[in-house]
Amino acid sequence: MRMVDKKAMGQRVAARRLKRGHTQDSLAHAVGMKQQGIDNIEKGVVKRPRLIREIAVELGTSQEWLLWKEGPEETDDAELSEIMELLKSAPANKRRAVIRILRHPAGAARRKIA
């Protein structure tokens, strides 16, 4: 697994949090954590947050930007970023099913993703 500069990541999380108007408590609540967890991330105590994807989406950025400052800081659409991350982690047959549904949404209700 690639190394993460915990302090730098924590600073990026704090900066994005403030830019988006969140307190530590409101960000924690939005992603399903405790305020102390966000505080530990921002202090550089946490190497790789368990809910990094959710934090990135809430902060309107990507995991890559928070972890390594790679790619654009701002994402145009946080939901699109979350969809991309989920697709990357899904098995190939599931990705293809989702793509078919997105291409043909009218028939999506009749299809079942196994």
N, C-alpha and C. Protein backbone atom coordinates (compact mmCIF):
# COMPACT_ATOMS: atom_id res chain seq x y z
N MET A 1 0.83 -1.18 0.00
CA MET A 1 0.00 0.00 0.00
C MET A 1 0.88 1.24 0.00
N ARG A 2 0.49 2.23 -0.75
CA ARG A 2 1.24 3.46 -0.90
C ARG A 2 1.23 4.30 0.37
N MET A 3 2.36 4.89 0.68
CA MET A 3 2.51 5.69 1.90
C MET A 3 1.72 7.00 1.81
N VAL A 4 1.20 7.42 2.94
CA VAL A 4 0.45 8.66 3.05
C VAL A 4 1.15 9.55 4.08
N ASP A 5 1.38 10.81 3.74
CA ASP A 5 1.89 11.79 4.70
C ASP A 5 0.69 12.21 5.55
N LYS A 6 0.59 11.65 6.76
CA LYS A 6 -0.58 11.85 7.61
C LYS A 6 -0.82 13.32 7.93
N LYS A 7 0.24 14.05 8.23
CA LYS A 7 0.10 15.47 8.58
C LYS A 7 -0.43 16.27 7.40
N ALA A 8 0.16 16.04 6.22
CA ALA A 8 -0.27 16.77 5.02
C ALA A 8 -1.72 16.42 4.67
N MET A 9 -2.06 15.14 4.78
CA MET A 9 -3.44 14.74 4.50
C MET A 9 -4.39 15.43 5.48
N GLY A 10 -4.04 15.45 6.74
CA GLY A 10 -4.86 16.11 7.75
C GLY A 10 -5.06 17.58 7.46
N GLN A 11 -4.00 18.24 6.99
CA GLN A 11 -4.11 19.65 6.63
C GLN A 11 -5.05 19.85 5.44
N ARG A 12 -4.99 18.93 4.46
CA ARG A 12 -5.88 19.03 3.30
C ARG A 12 -7.34 18.82 3.71
N VAL A 13 -7.57 17.85 4.60
CA VAL A 13 -8.93 17.61 5.09
C VAL A 13 -9.44 18.85 5.81
N ALA A 14 -8.63 19.42 6.68
CA ALA A 14 -9.05 20.62 7.43
C ALA A 14 -9.33 21.79 6.50
N ALA A 15 -8.46 21.99 5.52
CA ALA A 15 -8.66 23.10 4.58
C ALA A 15 -9.94 22.93 3.77
N ARG A 16 -10.19 21.72 3.27
CA ARG A 16 -11.41 21.47 2.50
C ARG A 16 -12.64 21.60 3.40
N ARG A 17 -12.52 21.11 4.62
CA ARG A 17 -13.65 21.20 5.56
C ARG A 17 -14.04 22.65 5.79
N LEU A 18 -13.05 23.49 6.04
CA LEU A 18 -13.32 24.91 6.29
C LEU A 18 -13.86 25.58 5.02
N LYS A 19 -13.30 25.23 3.89
CA LYS A 19 -13.74 25.82 2.62
C LYS A 19 -15.20 25.47 2.33
N ARG A 20 -15.63 24.28 2.74
CA ARG A 20 -17.01 23.84 2.51
C ARG A 20 -17.95 24.25 3.64
N GLY A 21 -17.43 24.95 4.65
CA GLY A 21 -18.27 25.46 5.74
C GLY A 21 -18.66 24.44 6.78
N HIS A 22 -17.90 23.38 6.90
CA HIS A 22 -18.17 22.35 7.90
C HIS A 22 -17.39 22.61 9.17
N THR A 23 -17.99 22.25 10.29
CA THR A 23 -17.24 22.10 11.54
C THR A 23 -16.76 20.65 11.56
N GLN A 24 -15.87 20.33 12.48
CA GLN A 24 -15.47 18.93 12.62
C GLN A 24 -16.69 18.07 12.93
N ASP A 25 -17.57 18.59 13.78
CA ASP A 25 -18.74 17.84 14.19
C ASP A 25 -19.70 17.63 13.01
N SER A 26 -19.93 18.66 12.20
CA SER A 26 -20.88 18.50 11.09
C SER A 26 -20.33 17.56 10.02
N LEU A 27 -19.03 17.61 9.77
CA LEU A 27 -18.43 16.68 8.81
C LEU A 27 -18.52 15.25 9.35
N ALA A 28 -18.21 15.09 10.62
CA ALA A 28 -18.28 13.76 11.23
C ALA A 28 -19.70 13.20 11.12
N HIS A 29 -20.67 14.00 11.42
CA HIS A 29 -22.07 13.57 11.35
C HIS A 29 -22.44 13.19 9.91
N ALA A 30 -22.00 13.99 8.94
CA ALA A 30 -22.34 13.76 7.53
C ALA A 30 -21.79 12.44 7.00
N VAL A 31 -20.65 12.00 7.53
CA VAL A 31 -20.02 10.77 7.01
C VAL A 31 -20.16 9.58 7.96
N GLY A 32 -20.80 9.78 9.10
CA GLY A 32 -21.02 8.67 10.02
C GLY A 32 -19.86 8.38 10.95
N MET A 33 -19.20 9.44 11.41
CA MET A 33 -18.08 9.29 12.34
C MET A 33 -18.37 10.12 13.59
N LYS A 34 -17.45 10.04 14.53
CA LYS A 34 -17.48 10.93 15.69
C LYS A 34 -16.55 12.11 15.41
N GLN A 35 -16.80 13.22 16.07
CA GLN A 35 -15.98 14.43 15.90
C GLN A 35 -14.53 14.15 16.21
N GLN A 36 -14.27 13.31 17.20
CA GLN A 36 -12.90 12.99 17.58
C GLN A 36 -12.15 12.31 16.43
N GLY A 37 -12.86 11.53 15.62
CA GLY A 37 -12.24 10.88 14.46
C GLY A 37 -11.75 11.89 13.45
N ILE A 38 -12.56 12.92 13.18
CA ILE A 38 -12.15 13.99 12.25
C ILE A 38 -10.97 14.75 12.86
N ASP A 39 -11.03 15.02 14.15
CA ASP A 39 -9.94 15.73 14.82
C ASP A 39 -8.63 14.93 14.70
N ASN A 40 -8.70 13.62 14.90
CA ASN A 40 -7.51 12.78 14.79
C ASN A 40 -6.95 12.77 13.36
N ILE A 41 -7.83 12.77 12.36
CA ILE A 41 -7.38 12.84 10.97
C ILE A 41 -6.64 14.16 10.74
N GLU A 42 -7.25 15.25 11.17
CA GLU A 42 -6.67 16.57 10.94
C GLU A 42 -5.36 16.78 11.71
N LYS A 43 -5.20 16.12 12.83
CA LYS A 43 -3.96 16.22 13.61
C LYS A 43 -2.86 15.33 13.05
N GLY A 44 -3.19 14.47 12.08
CA GLY A 44 -2.19 13.59 11.50
C GLY A 44 -1.96 12.32 12.28
N VAL A 45 -2.93 11.93 13.10
CA VAL A 45 -2.82 10.71 13.89
C VAL A 45 -3.21 9.49 13.06
N VAL A 46 -4.14 9.67 12.14
CA VAL A 46 -4.69 8.57 11.36
C VAL A 46 -3.94 8.43 10.04
N LYS A 47 -3.48 7.21 9.75
CA LYS A 47 -2.70 6.97 8.53
C LYS A 47 -3.59 6.98 7.28
N ARG A 48 -4.69 6.27 7.33
CA ARG A 48 -5.62 6.22 6.20
C ARG A 48 -7.02 6.02 6.76
N PRO A 49 -7.82 7.09 6.77
CA PRO A 49 -9.16 7.01 7.37
C PRO A 49 -10.01 5.92 6.73
N ARG A 50 -10.73 5.22 7.54
CA ARG A 50 -11.61 4.15 7.09
C ARG A 50 -12.69 4.69 6.14
N LEU A 51 -13.20 5.87 6.38
CA LEU A 51 -14.27 6.46 5.57
C LEU A 51 -13.74 7.55 4.63
N ILE A 52 -12.54 7.35 4.08
CA ILE A 52 -11.93 8.37 3.23
C ILE A 52 -12.79 8.70 2.02
N ARG A 53 -13.43 7.70 1.43
CA ARG A 53 -14.28 7.96 0.26
C ARG A 53 -15.44 8.88 0.64
N GLU A 54 -16.10 8.59 1.75
CA GLU A 54 -17.23 9.39 2.19
C GLU A 54 -16.79 10.81 2.54
N ILE A 55 -15.64 10.93 3.17
CA ILE A 55 -15.10 12.25 3.51
C ILE A 55 -14.82 13.04 2.24
N ALA A 56 -14.18 12.41 1.27
CA ALA A 56 -13.86 13.08 0.00
C ALA A 56 -15.12 13.57 -0.69
N VAL A 57 -16.14 12.72 -0.76
CA VAL A 57 -17.39 13.11 -1.41
C VAL A 57 -18.01 14.30 -0.70
N GLU A 58 -18.07 14.24 0.62
CA GLU A 58 -18.67 15.34 1.39
C GLU A 58 -17.88 16.64 1.21
N LEU A 59 -16.57 16.52 1.02
CA LEU A 59 -15.72 17.71 0.87
C LEU A 59 -15.57 18.13 -0.60
N GLY A 60 -16.26 17.45 -1.51
CA GLY A 60 -16.25 17.84 -2.91
C GLY A 60 -14.90 17.66 -3.58
N THR A 61 -14.21 16.59 -3.20
CA THR A 61 -12.90 16.31 -3.77
C THR A 61 -12.77 14.80 -3.97
N SER A 62 -11.56 14.33 -4.22
CA SER A 62 -11.35 12.89 -4.42
C SER A 62 -10.46 12.33 -3.31
N GLN A 63 -10.51 11.03 -3.17
CA GLN A 63 -9.62 10.36 -2.21
C GLN A 63 -8.16 10.65 -2.55
N GLU A 64 -7.85 10.61 -3.85
CA GLU A 64 -6.48 10.82 -4.29
C GLU A 64 -5.97 12.20 -3.89
N TRP A 65 -6.84 13.18 -3.98
CA TRP A 65 -6.39 14.53 -3.62
C TRP A 65 -6.17 14.62 -2.11
N LEU A 66 -7.08 14.06 -1.34
CA LEU A 66 -6.90 14.10 0.11
C LEU A 66 -5.68 13.32 0.56
N LEU A 67 -5.48 12.14 0.00
CA LEU A 67 -4.38 11.28 0.44
C LEU A 67 -3.01 11.75 -0.06
N TRP A 68 -2.93 12.11 -1.36
CA TRP A 68 -1.63 12.38 -1.96
C TRP A 68 -1.54 13.70 -2.72
N LYS A 69 -2.60 14.51 -2.68
CA LYS A 69 -2.67 15.77 -3.42
C LYS A 69 -2.46 15.54 -4.92
N GLU A 70 -3.14 14.51 -5.44
CA GLU A 70 -3.06 14.17 -6.86
C GLU A 70 -4.40 14.44 -7.52
N GLY A 71 -4.34 14.96 -8.73
CA GLY A 71 -5.56 15.28 -9.46
C GLY A 71 -6.12 16.61 -9.01
N PRO A 72 -7.28 16.97 -9.55
CA PRO A 72 -7.86 18.27 -9.19
C PRO A 72 -8.38 18.29 -7.76
N GLU A 73 -8.25 19.44 -7.13
CA GLU A 73 -8.76 19.57 -5.76
C GLU A 73 -10.28 19.53 -5.74
N GLU A 74 -10.90 20.21 -6.67
CA GLU A 74 -12.36 20.29 -6.73
C GLU A 74 -12.91 19.26 -7.70
N THR A 75 -13.98 18.60 -7.34
CA THR A 75 -14.68 17.75 -8.28
C THR A 75 -15.95 18.48 -8.68
N ASP A 76 -16.32 18.35 -9.93
CA ASP A 76 -17.53 19.02 -10.42
C ASP A 76 -18.78 18.49 -9.75
N ASP A 77 -18.75 17.23 -9.43
CA ASP A 77 -19.93 16.60 -8.88
C ASP A 77 -19.50 15.52 -7.89
N ALA A 78 -19.76 15.74 -6.62
CA ALA A 78 -19.33 14.79 -5.60
C ALA A 78 -19.96 13.42 -5.81
N GLU A 79 -21.20 13.37 -6.26
CA GLU A 79 -21.85 12.09 -6.50
C GLU A 79 -21.15 11.33 -7.63
N LEU A 80 -20.73 12.05 -8.66
CA LEU A 80 -20.01 11.41 -9.76
C LEU A 80 -18.70 10.81 -9.25
N SER A 81 -18.02 11.53 -8.39
CA SER A 81 -16.78 11.02 -7.79
C SER A 81 -17.05 9.75 -7.00
N GLU A 82 -18.13 9.73 -6.24
CA GLU A 82 -18.46 8.54 -5.46
C GLU A 82 -18.79 7.37 -6.38
N ILE A 83 -19.55 7.63 -7.45
CA ILE A 83 -19.89 6.58 -8.41
C ILE A 83 -18.62 5.98 -9.01
N MET A 84 -17.68 6.83 -9.40
CA MET A 84 -16.43 6.35 -10.00
C MET A 84 -15.66 5.47 -9.01
N GLU A 85 -15.58 5.88 -7.77
CA GLU A 85 -14.85 5.10 -6.77
C GLU A 85 -15.53 3.74 -6.54
N LEU A 86 -16.85 3.74 -6.50
CA LEU A 86 -17.56 2.49 -6.32
C LEU A 86 -17.38 1.57 -7.52
N LEU A 87 -17.42 2.13 -8.72
CA LEU A 87 -17.22 1.32 -9.92
C LEU A 87 -15.83 0.71 -9.96
N LYS A 88 -14.83 1.47 -9.55
CA LYS A 88 -13.46 0.96 -9.54
C LYS A 88 -13.32 -0.26 -8.64
N SER A 89 -14.07 -0.29 -7.56
CA SER A 89 -13.92 -1.39 -6.61
C SER A 89 -14.87 -2.55 -6.88
N ALA A 90 -15.77 -2.40 -7.83
CA ALA A 90 -16.75 -3.45 -8.12
C ALA A 90 -16.16 -4.50 -9.07
N PRO A 91 -16.64 -5.74 -8.97
CA PRO A 91 -16.21 -6.77 -9.93
C PRO A 91 -16.64 -6.38 -11.35
N ALA A 92 -15.91 -6.84 -12.34
CA ALA A 92 -16.14 -6.46 -13.74
C ALA A 92 -17.58 -6.70 -14.18
N ASN A 93 -18.17 -7.85 -13.82
CA ASN A 93 -19.54 -8.14 -14.26
C ASN A 93 -20.55 -7.16 -13.66
N LYS A 94 -20.30 -6.67 -12.48
CA LYS A 94 -21.19 -5.68 -11.86
C LYS A 94 -21.04 -4.32 -12.53
N ARG A 95 -19.79 -3.95 -12.89
CA ARG A 95 -19.56 -2.67 -13.57
C ARG A 95 -20.32 -2.64 -14.89
N ARG A 96 -20.26 -3.73 -15.64
CA ARG A 96 -20.94 -3.78 -16.94
C ARG A 96 -22.45 -3.65 -16.76
N ALA A 97 -23.01 -4.27 -15.73
CA ALA A 97 -24.44 -4.16 -15.48
C ALA A 97 -24.83 -2.72 -15.17
N VAL A 98 -24.04 -2.04 -14.38
CA VAL A 98 -24.32 -0.64 -14.03
C VAL A 98 -24.23 0.23 -15.28
N ILE A 99 -23.24 -0.01 -16.12
CA ILE A 99 -23.09 0.76 -17.35
C ILE A 99 -24.31 0.57 -18.25
N ARG A 100 -24.78 -0.68 -18.37
CA ARG A 100 -25.98 -0.93 -19.18
C ARG A 100 -27.18 -0.16 -18.64
N ILE A 101 -27.34 -0.15 -17.34
CA ILE A 101 -28.47 0.57 -16.73
C ILE A 101 -28.35 2.07 -16.99
N LEU A 102 -27.15 2.61 -16.85
CA LEU A 102 -26.96 4.04 -17.07
C LEU A 102 -27.21 4.42 -18.54
N ARG A 103 -26.87 3.54 -19.44
CA ARG A 103 -27.10 3.82 -20.87
C ARG A 103 -28.58 3.71 -21.22
N HIS A 104 -29.31 2.85 -20.54
CA HIS A 104 -30.72 2.60 -20.87
C HIS A 104 -31.56 2.66 -19.59
N PRO A 105 -31.71 3.83 -18.98
CA PRO A 105 -32.40 3.91 -17.68
C PRO A 105 -33.86 3.50 -17.72
N ALA A 106 -34.54 3.61 -18.86
CA ALA A 106 -35.95 3.26 -18.91
C ALA A 106 -36.17 1.78 -18.60
N GLY A 107 -35.23 0.93 -19.00
CA GLY A 107 -35.37 -0.50 -18.76
C GLY A 107 -34.77 -0.95 -17.45
N ALA A 108 -34.19 -0.04 -16.69
CA ALA A 108 -33.48 -0.40 -15.46
C ALA A 108 -34.40 -1.06 -14.43
N ALA A 109 -35.63 -0.61 -14.37
CA ALA A 109 -36.55 -1.15 -13.38
C ALA A 109 -36.88 -2.62 -13.64
N ARG A 110 -36.79 -3.02 -14.91
CA ARG A 110 -37.11 -4.41 -15.27
C ARG A 110 -35.91 -5.33 -15.07
N ARG A 111 -34.72 -4.76 -14.98
CA ARG A 111 -33.50 -5.58 -14.86
C ARG A 111 -33.14 -5.79 -13.41
N LYS A 112 -32.51 -6.89 -13.17
CA LYS A 112 -32.02 -7.19 -11.81
C LYS A 112 -30.52 -7.37 -11.89
N ILE A 113 -29.79 -6.66 -11.03
CA ILE A 113 -28.33 -6.82 -10.96
C ILE A 113 -28.06 -7.93 -9.97
N ALA A 114 -27.52 -9.02 -10.45
CA ALA A 114 -27.24 -10.18 -9.59
C ALA A 114 -25.95 -10.00 -8.83
